[in-house]
Amino acid sequence: QPAMPQASEKLLDLLGQSSGARMFADLPARLAPGL
């Protein structure tokens, strides 16, 4: 995200990640099955 905010936002949108789940602190979590 620091390097490519636009492209990273698009990728995270495609992965169904909410705007509140994109911090470095969210990295230990995993993708939710069934999302």
Full PDB file with SEQRES, HELIX, SHEET, SSBOND, CRYST1, ORIGX, SCALE, CONECT and MASTER records, all heavy atoms in Angstrom:
SEQRES   1 A   35  GLN PRO ALA MET PRO GLN ALA SER GLU LYS LEU LEU ASP          
SEQRES   2 A   35  LEU LEU GLY GLN SER SER GLY ALA ARG MET PHE ALA ASP          
SEQRES   3 A   35  LEU PRO ALA ARG LEU ALA PRO GLY LEU                          
HELIX    1 AA1 PRO A    5  LEU A   14  1                                  10    
HELIX    2 AA2 PHE A   24  ASP A   26  5                                   3    
CRYST1    1.000    1.000    1.000  90.00  90.00  90.00 P 1           1          
ORIGX1      1.000000  0.000000  0.000000        0.00000                         
ORIGX2      0.000000  1.000000  0.000000        0.00000                         
ORIGX3      0.000000  0.000000  1.000000        0.00000                         
SCALE1      1.000000  0.000000  0.000000        0.00000                         
SCALE2      0.000000  1.000000  0.000000        0.00000                         
SCALE3      0.000000  0.000000  1.000000        0.00000                         
ATOM      1  N   GLN A   1       0.801  -1.226   0.000  1.00  0.00           N  
ATOM      2  CA  GLN A   1       0.000   0.000   0.000  1.00  0.00           C  
ATOM      3  C   GLN A   1       0.839   1.285   0.000  1.00  0.00           C  
ATOM      4  O   GLN A   1       0.482   2.240  -0.697  1.00  0.00           O  
ATOM      5  CB  GLN A   1      -0.959   0.013   1.199  1.00  0.00           C  
ATOM      6  CG  GLN A   1      -2.103  -0.981   1.075  1.00  0.00           C  
ATOM      7  CD  GLN A   1      -2.962  -1.000   2.338  1.00  0.00           C  
ATOM      8  OE1 GLN A   1      -4.013  -0.392   2.396  1.00  0.00           O  
ATOM      9  NE2 GLN A   1      -2.498  -1.707   3.354  1.00  0.00           N  
ATOM     10  N   PRO A   2       1.948   1.356   0.737  1.00  0.00           N  
ATOM     11  CA  PRO A   2       2.743   2.593   0.664  1.00  0.00           C  
ATOM     12  C   PRO A   2       3.287   2.879  -0.729  1.00  0.00           C  
ATOM     13  O   PRO A   2       3.388   4.032  -1.129  1.00  0.00           O  
ATOM     14  CB  PRO A   2       3.880   2.328   1.654  1.00  0.00           C  
ATOM     15  CG  PRO A   2       3.335   1.330   2.606  1.00  0.00           C  
ATOM     16  CD  PRO A   2       2.473   0.437   1.771  1.00  0.00           C  
ATOM     17  N   ALA A   3       3.620   1.818  -1.467  1.00  0.00           N  
ATOM     18  CA  ALA A   3       4.187   1.999  -2.804  1.00  0.00           C  
ATOM     19  C   ALA A   3       3.117   2.256  -3.839  1.00  0.00           C  
ATOM     20  O   ALA A   3       3.257   3.153  -4.687  1.00  0.00           O  
ATOM     21  CB  ALA A   3       5.007   0.762  -3.196  1.00  0.00           C  
ATOM     22  N   MET A   4       2.052   1.487  -3.820  1.00  0.00           N  
ATOM     23  CA  MET A   4       1.004   1.556  -4.849  1.00  0.00           C  
ATOM     24  C   MET A   4      -0.369   1.591  -4.204  1.00  0.00           C  
ATOM     25  O   MET A   4      -1.071   0.579  -4.157  1.00  0.00           O  
ATOM     26  CB  MET A   4       1.113   0.348  -5.782  1.00  0.00           C  
ATOM     27  CG  MET A   4       2.429   0.226  -6.507  1.00  0.00           C  
ATOM     28  SD  MET A   4       2.439  -1.224  -7.587  1.00  0.00           S  
ATOM     29  CE  MET A   4       2.343  -2.545  -6.364  1.00  0.00           C  
ATOM     30  N   PRO A   5      -0.773   2.738  -3.672  1.00  0.00           N  
ATOM     31  CA  PRO A   5      -2.057   2.781  -2.962  1.00  0.00           C  
ATOM     32  C   PRO A   5      -3.252   2.419  -3.832  1.00  0.00           C  
ATOM     33  O   PRO A   5      -4.174   1.744  -3.369  1.00  0.00           O  
ATOM     34  CB  PRO A   5      -2.131   4.222  -2.454  1.00  0.00           C  
ATOM     35  CG  PRO A   5      -1.136   4.993  -3.256  1.00  0.00           C  
ATOM     36  CD  PRO A   5      -0.062   4.027  -3.628  1.00  0.00           C  
ATOM     37  N   GLN A   6      -3.262   2.844  -5.099  1.00  0.00           N  
ATOM     38  CA  GLN A   6      -4.408   2.549  -5.966  1.00  0.00           C  
ATOM     39  C   GLN A   6      -4.518   1.058  -6.255  1.00  0.00           C  
ATOM     40  O   GLN A   6      -5.584   0.453  -6.086  1.00  0.00           O  
ATOM     41  CB  GLN A   6      -4.293   3.325  -7.282  1.00  0.00           C  
ATOM     42  CG  GLN A   6      -4.607   4.807  -7.171  1.00  0.00           C  
ATOM     43  CD  GLN A   6      -4.627   5.484  -8.531  1.00  0.00           C  
ATOM     44  OE1 GLN A   6      -4.001   5.024  -9.493  1.00  0.00           O  
ATOM     45  NE2 GLN A   6      -5.340   6.587  -8.624  1.00  0.00           N  
ATOM     46  N   ALA A   7      -3.436   0.459  -6.718  1.00  0.00           N  
ATOM     47  CA  ALA A   7      -3.464  -0.956  -7.084  1.00  0.00           C  
ATOM     48  C   ALA A   7      -3.700  -1.835  -5.863  1.00  0.00           C  
ATOM     49  O   ALA A   7      -4.448  -2.828  -5.927  1.00  0.00           O  
ATOM     50  CB  ALA A   7      -2.156  -1.354  -7.767  1.00  0.00           C  
ATOM     51  N   SER A   8      -3.094  -1.491  -4.750  1.00  0.00           N  
ATOM     52  CA  SER A   8      -3.277  -2.289  -3.531  1.00  0.00           C  
ATOM     53  C   SER A   8      -4.730  -2.245  -3.076  1.00  0.00           C  
ATOM     54  O   SER A   8      -5.287  -3.258  -2.642  1.00  0.00           O  
ATOM     55  CB  SER A   8      -2.354  -1.775  -2.425  1.00  0.00           C  
ATOM     56  OG  SER A   8      -0.999  -1.896  -2.796  1.00  0.00           O  
ATOM     57  N   GLU A   9      -5.342  -1.067  -3.191  1.00  0.00           N  
ATOM     58  CA  GLU A   9      -6.750  -0.937  -2.831  1.00  0.00           C  
ATOM     59  C   GLU A   9      -7.615  -1.847  -3.712  1.00  0.00           C  
ATOM     60  O   GLU A   9      -8.529  -2.525  -3.225  1.00  0.00           O  
ATOM     61  CB  GLU A   9      -7.203   0.511  -2.967  1.00  0.00           C  
ATOM     62  CG  GLU A   9      -8.666   0.742  -2.612  1.00  0.00           C  
ATOM     63  CD  GLU A   9      -9.103   2.177  -2.774  1.00  0.00           C  
ATOM     64  OE1 GLU A   9      -8.362   2.970  -3.394  1.00  0.00           O  
ATOM     65  OE2 GLU A   9     -10.199   2.514  -2.286  1.00  0.00           O  
ATOM     66  N   LYS A  10      -7.327  -1.873  -5.009  1.00  0.00           N  
ATOM     67  CA  LYS A  10      -8.084  -2.724  -5.919  1.00  0.00           C  
ATOM     68  C   LYS A  10      -7.925  -4.204  -5.558  1.00  0.00           C  
ATOM     69  O   LYS A  10      -8.898  -4.968  -5.556  1.00  0.00           O  
ATOM     70  CB  LYS A  10      -7.636  -2.483  -7.359  1.00  0.00           C  
ATOM     71  CG  LYS A  10      -8.004  -1.118  -7.900  1.00  0.00           C  
ATOM     72  CD  LYS A  10      -7.402  -0.892  -9.291  1.00  0.00           C  
ATOM     73  CE  LYS A  10      -7.683   0.503  -9.802  1.00  0.00           C  
ATOM     74  NZ  LYS A  10      -7.001   0.759 -11.109  1.00  0.00           N  
ATOM     75  N   LEU A  11      -6.700  -4.621  -5.264  1.00  0.00           N  
ATOM     76  CA  LEU A  11      -6.464  -6.017  -4.895  1.00  0.00           C  
ATOM     77  C   LEU A  11      -7.202  -6.384  -3.615  1.00  0.00           C  
ATOM     78  O   LEU A  11      -7.816  -7.451  -3.516  1.00  0.00           O  
ATOM     79  CB  LEU A  11      -4.964  -6.274  -4.714  1.00  0.00           C  
ATOM     80  CG  LEU A  11      -4.130  -6.469  -5.976  1.00  0.00           C  
ATOM     81  CD1 LEU A  11      -2.648  -6.545  -5.618  1.00  0.00           C  
ATOM     82  CD2 LEU A  11      -4.559  -7.731  -6.725  1.00  0.00           C  
ATOM     83  N   LEU A  12      -7.145  -5.495  -2.630  1.00  0.00           N  
ATOM     84  CA  LEU A  12      -7.799  -5.785  -1.348  1.00  0.00           C  
ATOM     85  C   LEU A  12      -9.318  -5.766  -1.493  1.00  0.00           C  
ATOM     86  O   LEU A  12     -10.022  -6.527  -0.820  1.00  0.00           O  
ATOM     87  CB  LEU A  12      -7.332  -4.792  -0.283  1.00  0.00           C  
ATOM     88  CG  LEU A  12      -5.853  -4.975   0.117  1.00  0.00           C  
ATOM     89  CD1 LEU A  12      -5.342  -3.790   0.910  1.00  0.00           C  
ATOM     90  CD2 LEU A  12      -5.679  -6.273   0.909  1.00  0.00           C  
ATOM     91  N   ASP A  13      -9.825  -4.924  -2.397  1.00  0.00           N  
ATOM     92  CA  ASP A  13     -11.259  -4.964  -2.706  1.00  0.00           C  
ATOM     93  C   ASP A  13     -11.634  -6.310  -3.318  1.00  0.00           C  
ATOM     94  O   ASP A  13     -12.660  -6.909  -2.961  1.00  0.00           O  
ATOM     95  CB  ASP A  13     -11.625  -3.845  -3.690  1.00  0.00           C  
ATOM     96  CG  ASP A  13     -11.640  -2.462  -3.052  1.00  0.00           C  
ATOM     97  OD1 ASP A  13     -11.630  -2.374  -1.809  1.00  0.00           O  
ATOM     98  OD2 ASP A  13     -11.652  -1.472  -3.816  1.00  0.00           O  
ATOM     99  N   LEU A  14     -10.815  -6.801  -4.255  1.00  0.00           N  
ATOM    100  CA  LEU A  14     -11.086  -8.080  -4.907  1.00  0.00           C  
ATOM    101  C   LEU A  14     -11.037  -9.241  -3.918  1.00  0.00           C  
ATOM    102  O   LEU A  14     -11.665 -10.276  -4.129  1.00  0.00           O  
ATOM    103  CB  LEU A  14     -10.077  -8.325  -6.037  1.00  0.00           C  
ATOM    104  CG  LEU A  14     -10.209  -7.420  -7.264  1.00  0.00           C  
ATOM    105  CD1 LEU A  14      -9.046  -7.655  -8.218  1.00  0.00           C  
ATOM    106  CD2 LEU A  14     -11.543  -7.654  -7.980  1.00  0.00           C  
ATOM    107  N   LEU A  15     -10.281  -9.045  -2.825  1.00  0.00           N  
ATOM    108  CA  LEU A  15     -10.182 -10.076  -1.791  1.00  0.00           C  
ATOM    109  C   LEU A  15     -11.212  -9.873  -0.684  1.00  0.00           C  
ATOM    110  O   LEU A  15     -11.168 -10.550   0.349  1.00  0.00           O  
ATOM    111  CB  LEU A  15      -8.767 -10.083  -1.201  1.00  0.00           C  
ATOM    112  CG  LEU A  15      -7.690 -10.633  -2.150  1.00  0.00           C  
ATOM    113  CD1 LEU A  15      -6.305 -10.237  -1.668  1.00  0.00           C  
ATOM    114  CD2 LEU A  15      -7.806 -12.153  -2.265  1.00  0.00           C  
ATOM    115  N   GLY A  16     -12.119  -8.917  -0.878  1.00  0.00           N  
ATOM    116  CA  GLY A  16     -13.204  -8.717   0.071  1.00  0.00           C  
ATOM    117  C   GLY A  16     -12.789  -8.144   1.401  1.00  0.00           C  
ATOM    118  O   GLY A  16     -13.514  -8.297   2.401  1.00  0.00           O  
ATOM    119  N   GLN A  17     -11.658  -7.447   1.434  1.00  0.00           N  
ATOM    120  CA  GLN A  17     -11.158  -6.909   2.703  1.00  0.00           C  
ATOM    121  C   GLN A  17     -11.780  -5.542   2.990  1.00  0.00           C  
ATOM    122  O   GLN A  17     -11.731  -4.637   2.152  1.00  0.00           O  
ATOM    123  CB  GLN A  17      -9.634  -6.794   2.658  1.00  0.00           C  
ATOM    124  CG  GLN A  17      -8.930  -8.118   2.421  1.00  0.00           C  
ATOM    125  CD  GLN A  17      -9.305  -9.146   3.460  1.00  0.00           C  
ATOM    126  OE1 GLN A  17      -8.925  -9.032   4.628  1.00  0.00           O  
ATOM    127  NE2 GLN A  17     -10.068 -10.152   3.054  1.00  0.00           N  
ATOM    128  N   SER A  18     -12.360  -5.387   4.159  1.00  0.00           N  
ATOM    129  CA  SER A  18     -12.974  -4.113   4.531  1.00  0.00           C  
ATOM    130  C   SER A  18     -11.900  -3.051   4.703  1.00  0.00           C  
ATOM    131  O   SER A  18     -10.718  -3.359   4.917  1.00  0.00           O  
ATOM    132  CB  SER A  18     -13.762  -4.264   5.830  1.00  0.00           C  
ATOM    133  OG  SER A  18     -12.875  -4.458   6.921  1.00  0.00           O  
ATOM    134  N   SER A  19     -12.311  -1.790   4.625  1.00  0.00           N  
ATOM    135  CA  SER A  19     -11.357  -0.690   4.766  1.00  0.00           C  
ATOM    136  C   SER A  19     -10.700  -0.682   6.142  1.00  0.00           C  
ATOM    137  O   SER A  19      -9.614  -0.123   6.316  1.00  0.00           O  
ATOM    138  CB  SER A  19     -12.050   0.649   4.519  1.00  0.00           C  
ATOM    139  OG  SER A  19     -13.120   0.830   5.433  1.00  0.00           O  
ATOM    140  N   GLY A  20     -11.330  -1.314   7.113  1.00  0.00           N  
ATOM    141  CA  GLY A  20     -10.765  -1.353   8.460  1.00  0.00           C  
ATOM    142  C   GLY A  20      -9.878  -2.551   8.727  1.00  0.00           C  
ATOM    143  O   GLY A  20      -9.443  -2.761   9.854  1.00  0.00           O  
ATOM    144  N   ALA A  21      -9.588  -3.340   7.700  1.00  0.00           N  
ATOM    145  CA  ALA A  21      -8.776  -4.556   7.885  1.00  0.00           C  
ATOM    146  C   ALA A  21      -7.551  -4.536   6.990  1.00  0.00           C  
ATOM    147  O   ALA A  21      -7.154  -5.560   6.443  1.00  0.00           O  
ATOM    148  CB  ALA A  21      -9.624  -5.795   7.597  1.00  0.00           C  
ATOM    149  N   ARG A  22      -6.932  -3.361   6.879  1.00  0.00           N  
ATOM    150  CA  ARG A  22      -5.819  -3.228   5.934  1.00  0.00           C  
ATOM    151  C   ARG A  22      -4.569  -2.666   6.577  1.00  0.00           C  
ATOM    152  O   ARG A  22      -3.653  -2.227   5.891  1.00  0.00           O  
ATOM    153  CB  ARG A  22      -6.259  -2.345   4.754  1.00  0.00           C  
ATOM    154  CG  ARG A  22      -7.479  -2.908   4.038  1.00  0.00           C  
ATOM    155  CD  ARG A  22      -7.898  -2.105   2.831  1.00  0.00           C  
ATOM    156  NE  ARG A  22      -9.082  -2.705   2.200  1.00  0.00           N  
ATOM    157  CZ  ARG A  22      -9.548  -2.394   1.013  1.00  0.00           C  
ATOM    158  NH1 ARG A  22      -8.931  -1.465   0.291  1.00  0.00           N  
ATOM    159  NH2 ARG A  22     -10.614  -2.988   0.513  1.00  0.00           N  
ATOM    160  N   MET A  23      -4.519  -2.668   7.899  1.00  0.00           N  
ATOM    161  CA  MET A  23      -3.346  -2.199   8.621  1.00  0.00           C  
ATOM    162  C   MET A  23      -2.352  -3.339   8.777  1.00  0.00           C  
ATOM    163  O   MET A  23      -2.693  -4.514   8.633  1.00  0.00           O  
ATOM    164  CB  MET A  23      -3.750  -1.668   9.991  1.00  0.00           C  
ATOM    165  CG  MET A  23      -4.761  -0.535   9.949  1.00  0.00           C  
ATOM    166  SD  MET A  23      -4.043   1.031   9.419  1.00  0.00           S  
ATOM    167  CE  MET A  23      -3.180   1.511  10.922  1.00  0.00           C  
ATOM    168  N   PHE A  24      -1.115  -2.992   9.099  1.00  0.00           N  
ATOM    169  CA  PHE A  24      -0.122  -4.040   9.337  1.00  0.00           C  
ATOM    170  C   PHE A  24      -0.531  -4.936  10.504  1.00  0.00           C  
ATOM    171  O   PHE A  24      -0.213  -6.121  10.543  1.00  0.00           O  
ATOM    172  CB  PHE A  24       1.252  -3.432   9.604  1.00  0.00           C  
ATOM    173  CG  PHE A  24       1.836  -2.698   8.425  1.00  0.00           C  
ATOM    174  CD1 PHE A  24       2.826  -1.748   8.604  1.00  0.00           C  
ATOM    175  CD2 PHE A  24       1.399  -2.958   7.131  1.00  0.00           C  
ATOM    176  CE1 PHE A  24       3.366  -1.066   7.527  1.00  0.00           C  
ATOM    177  CE2 PHE A  24       1.934  -2.284   6.041  1.00  0.00           C  
ATOM    178  CZ  PHE A  24       2.922  -1.334   6.249  1.00  0.00           C  
ATOM    179  N   ALA A  25      -1.264  -4.352  11.445  1.00  0.00           N  
ATOM    180  CA  ALA A  25      -1.730  -5.132  12.595  1.00  0.00           C  
ATOM    181  C   ALA A  25      -2.715  -6.216  12.189  1.00  0.00           C  
ATOM    182  O   ALA A  25      -2.970  -7.150  12.944  1.00  0.00           O  
ATOM    183  CB  ALA A  25      -2.372  -4.211  13.627  1.00  0.00           C  
ATOM    184  N   ASP A  26      -3.291  -6.110  10.981  1.00  0.00           N  
ATOM    185  CA  ASP A  26      -4.255  -7.100  10.503  1.00  0.00           C  
ATOM    186  C   ASP A  26      -3.582  -8.279   9.789  1.00  0.00           C  
ATOM    187  O   ASP A  26      -4.264  -9.232   9.393  1.00  0.00           O  
ATOM    188  CB  ASP A  26      -5.253  -6.448   9.535  1.00  0.00           C  
ATOM    189  CG  ASP A  26      -6.063  -5.353  10.208  1.00  0.00           C  
ATOM    190  OD1 ASP A  26      -6.626  -5.626  11.282  1.00  0.00           O  
ATOM    191  OD2 ASP A  26      -6.116  -4.228   9.674  1.00  0.00           O  
ATOM    192  N   LEU A  27      -2.277  -8.223   9.622  1.00  0.00           N  
ATOM    193  CA  LEU A  27      -1.602  -9.281   8.874  1.00  0.00           C  
ATOM    194  C   LEU A  27      -1.647 -10.649   9.553  1.00  0.00           C  
ATOM    195  O   LEU A  27      -1.722 -11.665   8.858  1.00  0.00           O  
ATOM    196  CB  LEU A  27      -0.142  -8.884   8.593  1.00  0.00           C  
ATOM    197  CG  LEU A  27       0.025  -7.843   7.471  1.00  0.00           C  
ATOM    198  CD1 LEU A  27       1.459  -7.359   7.405  1.00  0.00           C  
ATOM    199  CD2 LEU A  27      -0.379  -8.447   6.138  1.00  0.00           C  
ATOM    200  N   PRO A  28      -1.603 -10.744  10.884  1.00  0.00           N  
ATOM    201  CA  PRO A  28      -1.654 -12.093  11.467  1.00  0.00           C  
ATOM    202  C   PRO A  28      -2.960 -12.830  11.205  1.00  0.00           C  
ATOM    203  O   PRO A  28      -3.007 -14.056  11.274  1.00  0.00           O  
ATOM    204  CB  PRO A  28      -1.466 -11.828  12.968  1.00  0.00           C  
ATOM    205  CG  PRO A  28      -0.794 -10.504  13.043  1.00  0.00           C  
ATOM    206  CD  PRO A  28      -1.342  -9.724  11.893  1.00  0.00           C  
ATOM    207  N   ALA A  29      -4.015 -12.070  10.908  1.00  0.00           N  
ATOM    208  CA  ALA A  29      -5.302 -12.721  10.638  1.00  0.00           C  
ATOM    209  C   ALA A  29      -5.221 -13.476   9.315  1.00  0.00           C  
ATOM    210  O   ALA A  29      -4.281 -13.335   8.543  1.00  0.00           O  
ATOM    211  CB  ALA A  29      -6.407 -11.675  10.588  1.00  0.00           C  
ATOM    212  N   ARG A  30      -6.224 -14.295   9.049  1.00  0.00           N  
ATOM    213  CA  ARG A  30      -6.282 -15.049   7.797  1.00  0.00           C  
ATOM    214  C   ARG A  30      -7.569 -14.680   7.053  1.00  0.00           C  
ATOM    215  O   ARG A  30      -8.536 -14.182   7.632  1.00  0.00           O  
ATOM    216  CB  ARG A  30      -6.288 -16.554   8.077  1.00  0.00           C  
ATOM    217  CG  ARG A  30      -4.948 -17.111   8.563  1.00  0.00           C  
ATOM    218  CD  ARG A  30      -4.041 -17.370   7.368  1.00  0.00           C  
ATOM    219  NE  ARG A  30      -2.843 -18.092   7.771  1.00  0.00           N  
ATOM    220  CZ  ARG A  30      -1.625 -17.568   7.820  1.00  0.00           C  
ATOM    221  NH1 ARG A  30      -1.449 -16.289   7.523  1.00  0.00           N  
ATOM    222  NH2 ARG A  30      -0.597 -18.307   8.169  1.00  0.00           N  
ATOM    223  N   LEU A  31      -7.566 -14.929   5.762  1.00  0.00           N  
ATOM    224  CA  LEU A  31      -8.794 -14.799   4.978  1.00  0.00           C  
ATOM    225  C   LEU A  31      -9.892 -15.657   5.588  1.00  0.00           C  
ATOM    226  O   LEU A  31      -9.636 -16.792   6.006  1.00  0.00           O  
ATOM    227  CB  LEU A  31      -8.549 -15.254   3.541  1.00  0.00           C  
ATOM    228  CG  LEU A  31      -7.983 -14.234   2.546  1.00  0.00           C  
ATOM    229  CD1 LEU A  31      -7.598 -14.949   1.254  1.00  0.00           C  
ATOM    230  CD2 LEU A  31      -8.999 -13.139   2.272  1.00  0.00           C  
ATOM    231  N   ALA A  32     -11.094 -15.128   5.625  1.00  0.00           N  
ATOM    232  CA  ALA A  32     -12.214 -15.876   6.204  1.00  0.00           C  
ATOM    233  C   ALA A  32     -12.823 -16.805   5.149  1.00  0.00           C  
ATOM    234  O   ALA A  32     -13.301 -16.333   4.110  1.00  0.00           O  
ATOM    235  CB  ALA A  32     -13.270 -14.906   6.713  1.00  0.00           C  
ATOM    236  N   PRO A  33     -12.817 -18.120   5.370  1.00  0.00           N  
ATOM    237  CA  PRO A  33     -13.487 -19.037   4.433  1.00  0.00           C  
ATOM    238  C   PRO A  33     -14.968 -18.679   4.298  1.00  0.00           C  
ATOM    239  O   PRO A  33     -15.618 -18.275   5.264  1.00  0.00           O  
ATOM    240  CB  PRO A  33     -13.301 -20.404   5.096  1.00  0.00           C  
ATOM    241  CG  PRO A  33     -12.102 -20.252   5.971  1.00  0.00           C  
ATOM    242  CD  PRO A  33     -12.150 -18.839   6.472  1.00  0.00           C  
ATOM    243  N   GLY A  34     -15.479 -18.775   3.082  1.00  0.00           N  
ATOM    244  CA  GLY A  34     -16.869 -18.444   2.830  1.00  0.00           C  
ATOM    245  C   GLY A  34     -17.110 -16.986   2.514  1.00  0.00           C  
ATOM    246  O   GLY A  34     -18.245 -16.596   2.198  1.00  0.00           O  
ATOM    247  N   LEU A  35     -16.069 -16.157   2.587  1.00  0.00           N  
ATOM    248  CA  LEU A  35     -16.205 -14.730   2.285  1.00  0.00           C  
ATOM    249  C   LEU A  35     -16.530 -14.552   0.801  1.00  0.00           C  
ATOM    250  O   LEU A  35     -15.837 -15.082  -0.068  1.00  0.00           O  
ATOM    251  CB  LEU A  35     -14.896 -14.006   2.624  1.00  0.00           C  
ATOM    252  CG  LEU A  35     -14.840 -12.498   2.343  1.00  0.00           C  
ATOM    253  CD1 LEU A  35     -15.799 -11.739   3.244  1.00  0.00           C  
ATOM    254  CD2 LEU A  35     -13.412 -11.986   2.527  1.00  0.00           C  
TER     255      LEU A  35                                                      
MASTER        0    0    0    2    0    0    0    6  254    1    0    3          
END                                                                             
